[in-house]
Amino acid sequence: MSERPALADAGTVIIIPTRYGSSRYPGKPLAPIMGPDGITKTLIGWSHDGALAVCEDAAVVVATDDKRITDEVDDFGGQWLMTPESCGNGTERVAACLDALPNAQLLVNFQGDALLTPPAFVTALVDHMNANPETQVATVAVRCSAETYRHLAEDAAQGRVGGTTVVVNNRSDALYFSKRILPYLPDGRMPDEDMPVLLHLGLYAYRRAALERYVALGPTMLEAVEGLEQLRFLVAGIPVSVVTLEEQGYPIVEVNNPSDVPLVEGILSARALP
């Protein structure tokens, strides 16, 4: 196995932006998640392992503003960068790492609460950026299975903020992202090939210049209302390319609420079965 490049030398860096003070789930990065072997790791530990499973020529680092998280990263042998408390979202936190990453031209935002993200999805995103050098920002979505759609619909029915959906144009650029289920499906209609529901995953790749412009733009009304940082790019007219992939035989549930933990543990167990 080849050694990963040092942070200061890496051209591609996978960054896990993480903060302790989630309003919906305080302390979420340190939440214990039990694996199929009965061993428990923190959420940030699981996410870090997922990032390490991606291409070996990329460096991996946790970006945070909290010593409790850096202590945990030290415990499992990862690398971290301290970023300002003033970062309003994960994209701003990734941008705050630019000075410490002078050679990074491609930066991947690997969300710390999306431990079920298949490493192959990250590889597909990086490959997409490398094949399309004009693309400034890209992200990933999956076509919802019936099970994933029911999970989203149940969250909505119970008043919980769950996953994010995206609709795209014929160039696969995002038209809009929302925490509502888009497009609207009539009662009893399930998503299918003709009317897919695309679940957006919190996985992004950016060019360095796109991050610099993002920070210079400042927050927008839509991102504040929806609570979705990527809408700042759309408001500014910066296309966000959406790489649409298929689910990997299991629902990709993020840990957004404490009630998601047993769901994720069950999926981890089922995924480990032969």
C-alpha atoms as a PDB file:
ATOM      1  CA  MET A   1       0.000   0.000   0.000  1.00  0.00           C
ATOM      2  CA  SER A   2       1.417   3.360  -1.023  1.00  0.00           C
ATOM      3  CA  GLU A   3       1.759   6.133   1.509  1.00  0.00           C
ATOM      4  CA  ARG A   4      -0.704   8.992   1.276  1.00  0.00           C
ATOM      5  CA  PRO A   5       0.719  12.406   0.423  1.00  0.00           C
ATOM      6  CA  ALA A   6       1.371  14.921   3.170  1.00  0.00           C
ATOM      7  CA  LEU A   7      -1.388  17.484   3.577  1.00  0.00           C
ATOM      8  CA  ALA A   8       0.741  20.381   2.346  1.00  0.00           C
ATOM      9  CA  ASP A   9       1.734  18.438  -0.798  1.00  0.00           C
ATOM     10  CA  ALA A  10      -1.550  16.830  -1.781  1.00  0.00           C
ATOM     11  CA  GLY A  11      -3.285  17.876  -4.985  1.00  0.00           C
ATOM     12  CA  THR A  12      -6.508  16.126  -3.935  1.00  0.00           C
ATOM     13  CA  VAL A  13      -7.699  16.320  -0.336  1.00  0.00           C
ATOM     14  CA  ILE A  14     -10.727  14.663   1.264  1.00  0.00           C
ATOM     15  CA  ILE A  15     -11.934  16.920   4.068  1.00  0.00           C
ATOM     16  CA  ILE A  16     -14.447  15.873   6.730  1.00  0.00           C
ATOM     17  CA  PRO A  17     -15.982  19.107   8.090  1.00  0.00           C
ATOM     18  CA  THR A  18     -17.224  18.454  11.601  1.00  0.00           C
ATOM     19  CA  ARG A  19     -18.689  20.532  14.393  1.00  0.00           C
ATOM     20  CA  TYR A  20     -19.788  19.492  17.832  1.00  0.00           C
ATOM     21  CA  GLY A  21     -22.737  21.834  18.317  1.00  0.00           C
ATOM     22  CA  SER A  22     -25.425  20.490  15.979  1.00  0.00           C
ATOM     23  CA  SER A  23     -28.773  22.064  16.903  1.00  0.00           C
ATOM     24  CA  ARG A  24     -30.673  18.881  16.047  1.00  0.00           C
ATOM     25  CA  TYR A  25     -28.176  16.468  17.573  1.00  0.00           C
ATOM     26  CA  PRO A  26     -25.592  18.081  19.890  1.00  0.00           C
ATOM     27  CA  GLY A  27     -22.387  16.058  20.143  1.00  0.00           C
ATOM     28  CA  LYS A  28     -23.315  14.052  17.053  1.00  0.00           C
ATOM     29  CA  PRO A  29     -19.715  13.466  15.801  1.00  0.00           C
ATOM     30  CA  LEU A  30     -18.922  11.612  19.043  1.00  0.00           C
ATOM     31  CA  ALA A  31     -22.128   9.556  19.033  1.00  0.00           C
ATOM     32  CA  PRO A  32     -21.318   5.843  19.446  1.00  0.00           C
ATOM     33  CA  ILE A  33     -22.257   3.624  16.509  1.00  0.00           C
ATOM     34  CA  MET A  34     -21.993  -0.140  16.919  1.00  0.00           C
ATOM     35  CA  GLY A  35     -20.668  -2.115  13.977  1.00  0.00           C
ATOM     36  CA  PRO A  36     -21.707  -5.615  12.893  1.00  0.00           C
ATOM     37  CA  ASP A  37     -18.795  -7.114  14.855  1.00  0.00           C
ATOM     38  CA  GLY A  38     -20.096  -5.559  18.076  1.00  0.00           C
ATOM     39  CA  ILE A  39     -17.294  -2.997  18.183  1.00  0.00           C
ATOM     40  CA  THR A  40     -18.423   0.576  18.785  1.00  0.00           C
ATOM     41  CA  LYS A  41     -16.776   3.583  17.158  1.00  0.00           C
ATOM     42  CA  THR A  42     -17.766   7.209  17.121  1.00  0.00           C
ATOM     43  CA  LEU A  43     -19.587   8.625  14.123  1.00  0.00           C
ATOM     44  CA  ILE A  44     -16.527  10.655  13.124  1.00  0.00           C
ATOM     45  CA  GLY A  45     -14.416   7.511  13.416  1.00  0.00           C
ATOM     46  CA  TRP A  46     -16.715   5.633  11.038  1.00  0.00           C
ATOM     47  CA  SER A  47     -16.708   8.527   8.580  1.00  0.00           C
ATOM     48  CA  HIS A  48     -12.920   8.800   8.696  1.00  0.00           C
ATOM     49  CA  ASP A  49     -12.605   5.097   7.933  1.00  0.00           C
ATOM     50  CA  GLY A  50     -14.932   5.589   4.959  1.00  0.00           C
ATOM     51  CA  ALA A  51     -12.802   8.431   3.615  1.00  0.00           C
ATOM     52  CA  LEU A  52      -9.621   6.374   3.992  1.00  0.00           C
ATOM     53  CA  ALA A  53     -11.149   3.661   1.810  1.00  0.00           C
ATOM     54  CA  VAL A  54     -10.996   6.013  -1.187  1.00  0.00           C
ATOM     55  CA  CYS A  55      -8.115   6.620  -3.637  1.00  0.00           C
ATOM     56  CA  GLU A  56      -4.708   6.422  -1.979  1.00  0.00           C
ATOM     57  CA  ASP A  57      -3.340   9.516  -3.714  1.00  0.00           C
ATOM     58  CA  ALA A  58      -5.716  11.749  -1.735  1.00  0.00           C
ATOM     59  CA  ALA A  59      -4.929  13.075   1.727  1.00  0.00           C
ATOM     60  CA  VAL A  60      -7.651  12.820   4.404  1.00  0.00           C
ATOM     61  CA  VAL A  61      -8.209  15.380   7.168  1.00  0.00           C
ATOM     62  CA  VAL A  62     -10.930  16.306   9.659  1.00  0.00           C
ATOM     63  CA  ALA A  63     -11.740  20.040   9.781  1.00  0.00           C
ATOM     64  CA  THR A  64     -13.288  21.161  13.058  1.00  0.00           C
ATOM     65  CA  ASP A  65     -13.448  23.939  15.636  1.00  0.00           C
ATOM     66  CA  ASP A  66     -13.751  21.798  18.765  1.00  0.00           C
ATOM     67  CA  LYS A  67     -11.015  20.226  20.885  1.00  0.00           C
ATOM     68  CA  ARG A  68     -13.276  17.319  21.828  1.00  0.00           C
ATOM     69  CA  ILE A  69     -13.270  16.304  18.196  1.00  0.00           C
ATOM     70  CA  THR A  70      -9.525  16.816  17.667  1.00  0.00           C
ATOM     71  CA  ASP A  71      -8.893  14.666  20.753  1.00  0.00           C
ATOM     72  CA  GLU A  72     -11.029  11.905  19.236  1.00  0.00           C
ATOM     73  CA  VAL A  73      -9.215  12.185  15.891  1.00  0.00           C
ATOM     74  CA  ASP A  74      -5.884  11.941  17.712  1.00  0.00           C
ATOM     75  CA  ASP A  75      -7.147   8.811  19.467  1.00  0.00           C
ATOM     76  CA  PHE A  76      -7.811   6.974  16.203  1.00  0.00           C
ATOM     77  CA  GLY A  77      -4.663   8.309  14.501  1.00  0.00           C
ATOM     78  CA  GLY A  78      -6.175  10.728  12.008  1.00  0.00           C
ATOM     79  CA  GLN A  79      -5.149  14.213  10.919  1.00  0.00           C
ATOM     80  CA  TRP A  80      -7.088  17.378  11.685  1.00  0.00           C
ATOM     81  CA  LEU A  81      -7.109  21.077  10.956  1.00  0.00           C
ATOM     82  CA  MET A  82      -8.567  23.638  13.354  1.00  0.00           C
ATOM     83  CA  THR A  83     -10.981  26.009  11.634  1.00  0.00           C
ATOM     84  CA  PRO A  84     -12.851  29.095  12.910  1.00  0.00           C
ATOM     85  CA  GLU A  85     -16.039  28.799  14.945  1.00  0.00           C
ATOM     86  CA  SER A  86     -17.511  31.385  12.599  1.00  0.00           C
ATOM     87  CA  CYS A  87     -17.759  28.905   9.694  1.00  0.00           C
ATOM     88  CA  GLY A  88     -21.453  28.810   8.857  1.00  0.00           C
ATOM     89  CA  ASN A  89     -21.486  25.455   7.082  1.00  0.00           C
ATOM     90  CA  GLY A  90     -19.321  22.603   5.833  1.00  0.00           C
ATOM     91  CA  THR A  91     -18.359  24.307   2.582  1.00  0.00           C
ATOM     92  CA  GLU A  92     -17.098  27.365   4.450  1.00  0.00           C
ATOM     93  CA  ARG A  93     -15.183  25.032   6.775  1.00  0.00           C
ATOM     94  CA  VAL A  94     -13.561  23.304   3.792  1.00  0.00           C
ATOM     95  CA  ALA A  95     -12.662  26.714   2.349  1.00  0.00           C
ATOM     96  CA  ALA A  96     -11.099  27.674   5.681  1.00  0.00           C
ATOM     97  CA  CYS A  97      -8.526  24.919   5.113  1.00  0.00           C
ATOM     98  CA  LEU A  98      -7.195  26.378   1.860  1.00  0.00           C
ATOM     99  CA  ASP A  99      -4.258  28.247   3.402  1.00  0.00           C
ATOM    100  CA  ALA A 100      -3.043  25.026   5.032  1.00  0.00           C
ATOM    101  CA  LEU A 101      -3.377  23.160   1.716  1.00  0.00           C
ATOM    102  CA  PRO A 102      -1.349  25.240  -0.765  1.00  0.00           C
ATOM    103  CA  ASN A 103      -1.185  22.555  -3.464  1.00  0.00           C
ATOM    104  CA  ALA A 104      -4.773  21.308  -3.253  1.00  0.00           C
ATOM    105  CA  GLN A 105      -6.681  21.970  -6.476  1.00  0.00           C
ATOM    106  CA  LEU A 106      -9.474  19.452  -5.929  1.00  0.00           C
ATOM    107  CA  LEU A 107     -11.141  19.324  -2.513  1.00  0.00           C
ATOM    108  CA  VAL A 108     -13.725  16.721  -1.568  1.00  0.00           C
ATOM    109  CA  ASN A 109     -16.233  17.424   1.199  1.00  0.00           C
ATOM    110  CA  PHE A 110     -17.022  14.084   2.869  1.00  0.00           C
ATOM    111  CA  GLN A 111     -19.836  14.720   5.346  1.00  0.00           C
ATOM    112  CA  GLY A 112     -19.140  13.468   8.839  1.00  0.00           C
ATOM    113  CA  ASP A 113     -22.704  12.166   9.324  1.00  0.00           C
ATOM    114  CA  ALA A 114     -22.838  10.096   6.122  1.00  0.00           C
ATOM    115  CA  LEU A 115     -20.888   7.028   7.232  1.00  0.00           C
ATOM    116  CA  LEU A 116     -22.837   4.777   4.846  1.00  0.00           C
ATOM    117  CA  THR A 117     -21.490   6.616   1.788  1.00  0.00           C
ATOM    118  CA  PRO A 118     -19.855   3.939  -0.408  1.00  0.00           C
ATOM    119  CA  PRO A 119     -16.194   4.736  -1.150  1.00  0.00           C
ATOM    120  CA  ALA A 120     -16.965   4.022  -4.807  1.00  0.00           C
ATOM    121  CA  PHE A 121     -19.218   7.092  -4.802  1.00  0.00           C
ATOM    122  CA  VAL A 122     -16.298   9.302  -3.787  1.00  0.00           C
ATOM    123  CA  THR A 123     -14.144   7.734  -6.488  1.00  0.00           C
ATOM    124  CA  ALA A 124     -16.893   8.344  -9.078  1.00  0.00           C
ATOM    125  CA  LEU A 125     -17.106  12.002  -8.008  1.00  0.00           C
ATOM    126  CA  VAL A 126     -13.326  12.508  -8.263  1.00  0.00           C
ATOM    127  CA  ASP A 127     -13.285  10.747 -11.648  1.00  0.00           C
ATOM    128  CA  HIS A 128     -16.098  13.015 -12.846  1.00  0.00           C
ATOM    129  CA  MET A 129     -14.143  16.140 -11.860  1.00  0.00           C
ATOM    130  CA  ASN A 130     -10.973  14.848 -13.509  1.00  0.00           C
ATOM    131  CA  ALA A 131     -12.874  14.035 -16.719  1.00  0.00           C
ATOM    132  CA  ASN A 132     -14.607  17.435 -16.782  1.00  0.00           C
ATOM    133  CA  PRO A 133     -12.012  20.092 -15.976  1.00  0.00           C
ATOM    134  CA  GLU A 134     -14.519  22.888 -16.678  1.00  0.00           C
ATOM    135  CA  THR A 135     -16.763  21.692 -13.830  1.00  0.00           C
ATOM    136  CA  GLN A 136     -16.292  23.856 -10.759  1.00  0.00           C
ATOM    137  CA  VAL A 137     -18.569  22.034  -8.312  1.00  0.00           C
ATOM    138  CA  ALA A 138     -20.038  18.543  -8.351  1.00  0.00           C
ATOM    139  CA  THR A 139     -22.056  16.404  -5.990  1.00  0.00           C
ATOM    140  CA  VAL A 140     -23.716  12.987  -5.853  1.00  0.00           C
ATOM    141  CA  ALA A 141     -27.314  11.799  -5.760  1.00  0.00           C
ATOM    142  CA  VAL A 142     -28.872   8.351  -5.778  1.00  0.00           C
ATOM    143  CA  ARG A 143     -32.201   7.202  -7.162  1.00  0.00           C
ATOM    144  CA  CYS A 144     -34.384   6.435  -4.170  1.00  0.00           C
ATOM    145  CA  SER A 145     -35.479   2.874  -3.681  1.00  0.00           C
ATOM    146  CA  ALA A 146     -38.945   2.302  -2.238  1.00  0.00           C
ATOM    147  CA  GLU A 147     -37.358   1.746   1.195  1.00  0.00           C
ATOM    148  CA  THR A 148     -35.379   4.976   1.126  1.00  0.00           C
ATOM    149  CA  TYR A 149     -38.383   6.915  -0.148  1.00  0.00           C
ATOM    150  CA  ARG A 150     -40.536   5.545   2.676  1.00  0.00           C
ATOM    151  CA  HIS A 151     -37.863   6.642   5.178  1.00  0.00           C
ATOM    152  CA  LEU A 152     -37.942  10.177   3.740  1.00  0.00           C
ATOM    153  CA  ALA A 153     -41.739  10.236   3.732  1.00  0.00           C
ATOM    154  CA  GLU A 154     -41.920   8.995   7.330  1.00  0.00           C
ATOM    155  CA  ASP A 155     -39.495  11.703   8.463  1.00  0.00           C
ATOM    156  CA  ALA A 156     -41.646  14.305   6.721  1.00  0.00           C
ATOM    157  CA  ALA A 157     -44.860  12.930   8.220  1.00  0.00           C
ATOM    158  CA  GLN A 158     -43.356  13.053  11.727  1.00  0.00           C
ATOM    159  CA  GLY A 159     -42.064  16.589  11.254  1.00  0.00           C
ATOM    160  CA  ARG A 160     -38.410  15.529  11.265  1.00  0.00           C
ATOM    161  CA  VAL A 161     -35.880  17.109   8.936  1.00  0.00           C
ATOM    162  CA  GLY A 162     -34.432  14.147   7.090  1.00  0.00           C
ATOM    163  CA  GLY A 163     -32.658  13.821   3.775  1.00  0.00           C
ATOM    164  CA  THR A 164     -32.311  16.310   0.937  1.00  0.00           C
ATOM    165  CA  THR A 165     -33.601  15.798  -2.595  1.00  0.00           C
ATOM    166  CA  VAL A 166     -32.460  17.394  -5.848  1.00  0.00           C
ATOM    167  CA  VAL A 167     -33.979  17.937  -9.286  1.00  0.00           C
ATOM    168  CA  VAL A 168     -31.746  18.314 -12.329  1.00  0.00           C
ATOM    169  CA  ASN A 169     -31.864  19.616 -15.895  1.00  0.00           C
ATOM    170  CA  ASN A 170     -31.007  17.667 -19.043  1.00  0.00           C
ATOM    171  CA  ARG A 171     -27.290  18.398 -18.518  1.00  0.00           C
ATOM    172  CA  SER A 172     -27.447  16.843 -15.034  1.00  0.00           C
ATOM    173  CA  ASP A 173     -26.864  20.228 -13.422  1.00  0.00           C
ATOM    174  CA  ALA A 174     -28.910  20.891 -10.307  1.00  0.00           C
ATOM    175  CA  LEU A 175     -32.061  22.988 -10.705  1.00  0.00           C
ATOM    176  CA  TYR A 176     -32.824  23.015  -6.981  1.00  0.00           C
ATOM    177  CA  PHE A 177     -32.113  21.244  -3.711  1.00  0.00           C
ATOM    178  CA  SER A 178     -34.674  20.984  -0.922  1.00  0.00           C
ATOM    179  CA  LYS A 179     -35.385  19.290   2.372  1.00  0.00           C
ATOM    180  CA  ARG A 180     -38.842  18.703   0.953  1.00  0.00           C
ATOM    181  CA  ILE A 181     -39.323  15.654  -1.237  1.00  0.00           C
ATOM    182  CA  LEU A 182     -38.952  16.787  -4.854  1.00  0.00           C
ATOM    183  CA  PRO A 183     -40.616  16.278  -7.207  1.00  0.00           C
ATOM    184  CA  TYR A 184     -44.039  16.060  -5.579  1.00  0.00           C
ATOM    185  CA  LEU A 185     -45.555  12.582  -5.987  1.00  0.00           C
ATOM    186  CA  PRO A 186     -49.304  12.027  -5.756  1.00  0.00           C
ATOM    187  CA  ASP A 187     -50.535   9.952  -2.806  1.00  0.00           C
ATOM    188  CA  GLY A 188     -49.721   6.293  -3.322  1.00  0.00           C
ATOM    189  CA  ARG A 189     -47.253   6.910  -6.138  1.00  0.00           C
ATOM    190  CA  MET A 190     -43.784   5.479  -5.586  1.00  0.00           C
ATOM    191  CA  PRO A 191     -40.696   6.716  -7.412  1.00  0.00           C
ATOM    192  CA  ASP A 192     -39.813   4.796 -10.551  1.00  0.00           C
ATOM    193  CA  GLU A 193     -37.734   5.141 -13.717  1.00  0.00           C
ATOM    194  CA  ASP A 194     -40.173   7.656 -15.206  1.00  0.00           C
ATOM    195  CA  MET A 195     -40.530   9.702 -12.022  1.00  0.00           C
ATOM    196  CA  PRO A 196     -37.378   9.277  -9.944  1.00  0.00           C
ATOM    197  CA  VAL A 197     -36.720  10.921  -6.614  1.00  0.00           C
ATOM    198  CA  LEU A 198     -33.034  11.762  -6.271  1.00  0.00           C
ATOM    199  CA  LEU A 199     -31.654  11.678  -2.751  1.00  0.00           C
ATOM    200  CA  HIS A 200     -28.803  14.135  -2.481  1.00  0.00           C
ATOM    201  CA  LEU A 201     -25.801  12.897  -0.547  1.00  0.00           C
ATOM    202  CA  GLY A 202     -23.675  15.329   1.428  1.00  0.00           C
ATOM    203  CA  LEU A 203     -20.684  14.690  -0.791  1.00  0.00           C
ATOM    204  CA  TYR A 204     -19.118  17.493  -2.841  1.00  0.00           C
ATOM    205  CA  ALA A 205     -16.037  18.161  -4.930  1.00  0.00           C
ATOM    206  CA  TYR A 206     -14.847  21.703  -5.561  1.00  0.00           C
ATOM    207  CA  ARG A 207     -12.135  23.474  -7.491  1.00  0.00           C
ATOM    208  CA  ARG A 208     -10.077  25.781  -5.346  1.00  0.00           C
ATOM    209  CA  ALA A 209     -11.370  28.867  -7.185  1.00  0.00           C
ATOM    210  CA  ALA A 210     -14.994  27.848  -6.610  1.00  0.00           C
ATOM    211  CA  LEU A 211     -14.434  27.736  -2.848  1.00  0.00           C
ATOM    212  CA  GLU A 212     -12.755  31.124  -2.861  1.00  0.00           C
ATOM    213  CA  ARG A 213     -15.698  32.608  -4.760  1.00  0.00           C
ATOM    214  CA  TYR A 214     -18.200  30.892  -2.453  1.00  0.00           C
ATOM    215  CA  VAL A 215     -16.738  32.567   0.618  1.00  0.00           C
ATOM    216  CA  ALA A 216     -16.555  35.948  -1.125  1.00  0.00           C
ATOM    217  CA  LEU A 217     -20.256  35.754  -2.071  1.00  0.00           C
ATOM    218  CA  GLY A 218     -21.537  35.477   1.483  1.00  0.00           C
ATOM    219  CA  PRO A 219     -24.755  33.781   2.644  1.00  0.00           C
ATOM    220  CA  THR A 220     -27.975  33.976   0.613  1.00  0.00           C
ATOM    221  CA  MET A 221     -31.633  33.931   1.558  1.00  0.00           C
ATOM    222  CA  LEU A 222     -32.386  30.522   0.039  1.00  0.00           C
ATOM    223  CA  GLU A 223     -29.563  28.713   1.812  1.00  0.00           C
ATOM    224  CA  ALA A 224     -30.693  30.267   5.088  1.00  0.00           C
ATOM    225  CA  VAL A 225     -34.338  29.264   4.592  1.00  0.00           C
ATOM    226  CA  GLU A 226     -33.612  25.711   3.425  1.00  0.00           C
ATOM    227  CA  GLY A 227     -30.516  25.218   5.557  1.00  0.00           C
ATOM    228  CA  LEU A 228     -28.685  23.971   2.454  1.00  0.00           C
ATOM    229  CA  GLU A 229     -25.264  25.464   1.816  1.00  0.00           C
ATOM    230  CA  GLN A 230     -25.054  24.362  -1.824  1.00  0.00           C
ATOM    231  CA  LEU A 231     -27.854  26.746  -2.811  1.00  0.00           C
ATOM    232  CA  ARG A 232     -25.356  29.633  -2.603  1.00  0.00           C
ATOM    233  CA  PHE A 233     -23.705  28.291  -5.756  1.00  0.00           C
ATOM    234  CA  LEU A 234     -27.034  28.143  -7.610  1.00  0.00           C
ATOM    235  CA  VAL A 235     -28.072  31.634  -6.529  1.00  0.00           C
ATOM    236  CA  ALA A 236     -24.756  32.936  -7.866  1.00  0.00           C
ATOM    237  CA  GLY A 237     -25.236  31.133 -11.178  1.00  0.00           C
ATOM    238  CA  ILE A 238     -22.444  28.604 -10.540  1.00  0.00           C
ATOM    239  CA  PRO A 239     -23.583  25.233 -11.957  1.00  0.00           C
ATOM    240  CA  VAL A 240     -23.513  22.262  -9.614  1.00  0.00           C
ATOM    241  CA  SER A 241     -23.017  19.072 -11.583  1.00  0.00           C
ATOM    242  CA  VAL A 242     -24.934  16.096 -10.163  1.00  0.00           C
ATOM    243  CA  VAL A 243     -23.465  12.608 -10.588  1.00  0.00           C
ATOM    244  CA  THR A 244     -26.450  10.256 -10.298  1.00  0.00           C
ATOM    245  CA  LEU A 245     -25.652   6.752  -9.066  1.00  0.00           C
ATOM    246  CA  GLU A 246     -27.609   3.701  -8.007  1.00  0.00           C
ATOM    247  CA  GLU A 247     -28.069   2.597  -4.407  1.00  0.00           C
ATOM    248  CA  GLN A 248     -25.729  -0.194  -3.431  1.00  0.00           C
ATOM    249  CA  GLY A 249     -28.330  -2.654  -2.184  1.00  0.00           C
ATOM    250  CA  TYR A 250     -28.920  -0.804   1.075  1.00  0.00           C
ATOM    251  CA  PRO A 251     -30.422   2.585   1.926  1.00  0.00           C
ATOM    252  CA  ILE A 252     -27.908   5.386   2.460  1.00  0.00           C
ATOM    253  CA  VAL A 253     -29.248   6.935   5.647  1.00  0.00           C
ATOM    254  CA  GLU A 254     -27.445   9.893   7.201  1.00  0.00           C
ATOM    255  CA  VAL A 255     -27.317  10.431  10.953  1.00  0.00           C
ATOM    256  CA  ASN A 256     -29.436  13.558  11.170  1.00  0.00           C
ATOM    257  CA  ASN A 257     -31.365  12.689  14.345  1.00  0.00           C
ATOM    258  CA  PRO A 258     -30.777  10.338  17.300  1.00  0.00           C
ATOM    259  CA  SER A 259     -33.516   8.093  15.873  1.00  0.00           C
ATOM    260  CA  ASP A 260     -31.273   7.418  12.857  1.00  0.00           C
ATOM    261  CA  VAL A 261     -28.614   5.618  14.942  1.00  0.00           C
ATOM    262  CA  PRO A 262     -30.440   2.264  15.279  1.00  0.00           C
ATOM    263  CA  LEU A 263     -31.369   2.434  11.590  1.00  0.00           C
ATOM    264  CA  VAL A 264     -27.725   2.901  10.620  1.00  0.00           C
ATOM    265  CA  GLU A 265     -26.574   0.131  12.959  1.00  0.00           C
ATOM    266  CA  GLY A 266     -29.112  -2.203  11.379  1.00  0.00           C
ATOM    267  CA  ILE A 267     -27.929  -1.332   7.886  1.00  0.00           C
ATOM    268  CA  LEU A 268     -24.296  -1.891   8.889  1.00  0.00           C
ATOM    269  CA  SER A 269     -25.227  -5.343  10.191  1.00  0.00           C
ATOM    270  CA  ALA A 270     -27.246  -6.236   7.103  1.00  0.00           C
ATOM    271  CA  ARG A 271     -24.454  -4.989   4.829  1.00  0.00           C
ATOM    272  CA  ALA A 272     -21.982  -7.335   6.499  1.00  0.00           C
ATOM    273  CA  LEU A 273     -24.101 -10.445   5.805  1.00  0.00           C
ATOM    274  CA  PRO A 274     -22.838 -12.755   3.028  1.00  0.00           C
END
